[in-house]
Protein backbone atom coordinates (compact mmCIF):
# COMPACT_ATOMS: atom_id res chain seq x y z
CA MET A 1 5.37 -27.85 -21.46
CA ALA A 2 1.80 -28.22 -19.71
CA LEU A 3 1.84 -28.04 -16.03
CA PRO A 4 0.77 -31.41 -14.25
CA VAL A 5 -2.58 -32.07 -13.39
CA MET A 6 -2.89 -32.15 -9.43
CA THR A 7 -5.46 -33.23 -6.89
CA VAL A 8 -6.47 -30.47 -4.45
CA GLU A 9 -4.60 -32.78 -1.57
CA GLN A 10 -1.30 -32.77 -4.03
CA ARG A 11 -1.25 -28.92 -4.59
CA ALA A 12 -1.81 -28.12 -0.67
CA LYS A 13 0.98 -30.41 0.01
CA ALA A 14 3.03 -28.72 -2.56
CA LEU A 15 1.96 -25.31 -1.23
CA ALA A 16 3.21 -26.39 2.26
CA LYS A 17 6.40 -27.65 1.21
CA ALA A 18 7.17 -24.51 -0.95
CA ALA A 19 6.10 -22.41 2.02
CA GLU A 20 8.62 -24.27 4.46
CA ALA A 21 11.56 -23.86 1.64
CA ARG A 22 11.06 -20.06 1.99
CA THR A 23 10.73 -20.27 5.64
CA ALA A 24 13.93 -21.98 5.87
CA ARG A 25 15.72 -20.00 3.39
CA ARG A 26 14.53 -16.54 4.89
CA ALA A 27 16.24 -17.73 8.26
CA LEU A 28 19.36 -18.59 6.84
CA LEU A 29 20.04 -15.51 4.92
CA ALA A 30 18.87 -13.72 8.28
CA GLU A 31 21.75 -15.72 9.74
CA VAL A 32 24.21 -14.61 6.92
CA ALA A 33 23.22 -10.92 7.58
CA SER A 34 23.45 -10.76 10.84
CA GLY A 35 27.12 -12.50 10.78
CA ALA A 36 26.10 -15.63 12.42
CA VAL A 37 26.84 -17.72 9.96
CA SER A 38 29.42 -16.84 6.83
CA VAL A 39 28.58 -17.92 3.36
CA ALA A 40 31.61 -20.30 3.49
CA GLU A 41 29.87 -22.39 6.34
CA VAL A 42 26.31 -22.06 4.01
CA VAL A 43 28.51 -23.76 1.01
CA GLU A 44 29.86 -26.39 3.25
CA ARG A 45 26.20 -27.45 4.64
CA SER A 46 24.81 -27.55 0.81
CA GLY A 47 27.77 -30.14 0.17
């Protein structure tokens, strides 16, 4: 399957969205690691 052809603006927007998702995921993992949030709470948030 070929990758879709994106404009420069679309690519920049996709990269920014991916960076935002990584930042949010990193913050959540840090909360779990510190014990501030339990794995059960993470599961509840996603559902």
